[in-house]
């Protein structure tokens, strides 16, 4: 496990979210305004995080 800056996330990275591991489906999306990025996970779950956040991650298959 690692603490990865949200700007370094790539599709396939697994992110700790809601008590489980969710696989990132796409690069973090930048909304038109604000200081948050939108994350989309495989299966359709979504969340938003501050663009300077560090998230607990692991590589797919770990």
C-alpha atoms as a PDB file:
ATOM      1  CA  UNK A   1       0.000   0.000   0.000  1.00  0.00           C
ATOM      2  CA  UNK A   2       1.052   3.564  -0.628  1.00  0.00           C
ATOM      3  CA  UNK A   3      -0.175   7.101  -0.116  1.00  0.00           C
ATOM      4  CA  UNK A   4      -0.412   8.440  -3.658  1.00  0.00           C
ATOM      5  CA  UNK A   5      -1.091  12.054  -4.681  1.00  0.00           C
ATOM      6  CA  UNK A   6      -4.413  12.156  -6.514  1.00  0.00           C
ATOM      7  CA  UNK A   7      -2.721  13.771  -9.529  1.00  0.00           C
ATOM      8  CA  UNK A   8      -0.507  10.653  -9.900  1.00  0.00           C
ATOM      9  CA  UNK A   9      -3.423   8.187 -10.066  1.00  0.00           C
ATOM     10  CA  UNK A  10      -3.779   6.088 -13.223  1.00  0.00           C
ATOM     11  CA  UNK A  11      -6.572   3.807 -14.474  1.00  0.00           C
ATOM     12  CA  UNK A  12      -6.259   0.391 -12.853  1.00  0.00           C
ATOM     13  CA  UNK A  13      -4.941   1.741  -9.532  1.00  0.00           C
ATOM     14  CA  UNK A  14      -6.948   0.518  -6.574  1.00  0.00           C
ATOM     15  CA  UNK A  15      -8.074   3.166  -4.099  1.00  0.00           C
ATOM     16  CA  UNK A  16      -9.314   2.594  -0.544  1.00  0.00           C
ATOM     17  CA  UNK A  17     -12.898   3.916  -0.581  1.00  0.00           C
ATOM     18  CA  UNK A  18     -15.938   3.204   1.615  1.00  0.00           C
ATOM     19  CA  UNK A  19     -14.172   0.421   3.512  1.00  0.00           C
ATOM     20  CA  UNK A  20     -13.070  -1.493   0.416  1.00  0.00           C
ATOM     21  CA  UNK A  21     -10.829  -1.299  -2.627  1.00  0.00           C
ATOM     22  CA  UNK A  22     -12.178   0.351  -5.762  1.00  0.00           C
ATOM     23  CA  UNK A  23     -10.424   0.216  -9.146  1.00  0.00           C
ATOM     24  CA  UNK A  24     -10.014   3.552 -10.889  1.00  0.00           C
ATOM     25  CA  UNK A  25     -11.673   3.486 -14.328  1.00  0.00           C
ATOM     26  CA  UNK A  26     -10.238   6.722 -15.767  1.00  0.00           C
ATOM     27  CA  UNK A  27      -7.864   9.559 -15.011  1.00  0.00           C
ATOM     28  CA  UNK A  28      -9.166  12.026 -12.404  1.00  0.00           C
ATOM     29  CA  UNK A  29     -11.503  14.488 -14.128  1.00  0.00           C
ATOM     30  CA  UNK A  30     -11.182  18.213 -13.644  1.00  0.00           C
ATOM     31  CA  UNK A  31     -14.528  19.980 -13.181  1.00  0.00           C
ATOM     32  CA  UNK A  32     -14.987  23.481 -14.649  1.00  0.00           C
ATOM     33  CA  UNK A  33     -14.653  25.144 -11.234  1.00  0.00           C
ATOM     34  CA  UNK A  34     -13.434  24.402  -7.764  1.00  0.00           C
ATOM     35  CA  UNK A  35     -10.538  22.695  -6.066  1.00  0.00           C
ATOM     36  CA  UNK A  36     -11.753  19.096  -6.312  1.00  0.00           C
ATOM     37  CA  UNK A  37     -11.230  16.297  -8.822  1.00  0.00           C
ATOM     38  CA  UNK A  38     -13.835  13.690  -9.744  1.00  0.00           C
ATOM     39  CA  UNK A  39     -12.853  10.028  -9.539  1.00  0.00           C
ATOM     40  CA  UNK A  40     -14.774   7.373 -11.474  1.00  0.00           C
ATOM     41  CA  UNK A  41     -14.380   3.734 -10.479  1.00  0.00           C
ATOM     42  CA  UNK A  42     -15.071   0.521 -12.376  1.00  0.00           C
ATOM     43  CA  UNK A  43     -18.740  -0.317 -11.802  1.00  0.00           C
ATOM     44  CA  UNK A  44     -19.835   3.320 -11.789  1.00  0.00           C
ATOM     45  CA  UNK A  45     -19.058   4.488  -8.252  1.00  0.00           C
ATOM     46  CA  UNK A  46     -17.855   8.091  -8.082  1.00  0.00           C
ATOM     47  CA  UNK A  47     -16.327  10.440  -5.546  1.00  0.00           C
ATOM     48  CA  UNK A  48     -14.585  13.776  -5.481  1.00  0.00           C
ATOM     49  CA  UNK A  49     -11.385  14.676  -3.641  1.00  0.00           C
ATOM     50  CA  UNK A  50      -9.263  17.780  -3.173  1.00  0.00           C
ATOM     51  CA  UNK A  51      -6.647  18.076  -5.923  1.00  0.00           C
ATOM     52  CA  UNK A  52      -3.834  18.022  -3.326  1.00  0.00           C
ATOM     53  CA  UNK A  53      -5.140  14.899  -1.535  1.00  0.00           C
ATOM     54  CA  UNK A  54      -3.010  11.788  -0.966  1.00  0.00           C
ATOM     55  CA  UNK A  55      -5.036   8.564  -1.171  1.00  0.00           C
ATOM     56  CA  UNK A  56      -4.272   5.064   0.107  1.00  0.00           C
ATOM     57  CA  UNK A  57      -3.682   2.949  -2.998  1.00  0.00           C
ATOM     58  CA  UNK A  58      -2.379  -0.389  -4.182  1.00  0.00           C
ATOM     59  CA  UNK A  59      -1.620  -1.669  -7.658  1.00  0.00           C
ATOM     60  CA  UNK A  60      -4.217  -3.890  -9.319  1.00  0.00           C
ATOM     61  CA  UNK A  61      -3.798  -7.511  -8.336  1.00  0.00           C
ATOM     62  CA  UNK A  62      -2.011  -6.780  -5.061  1.00  0.00           C
END
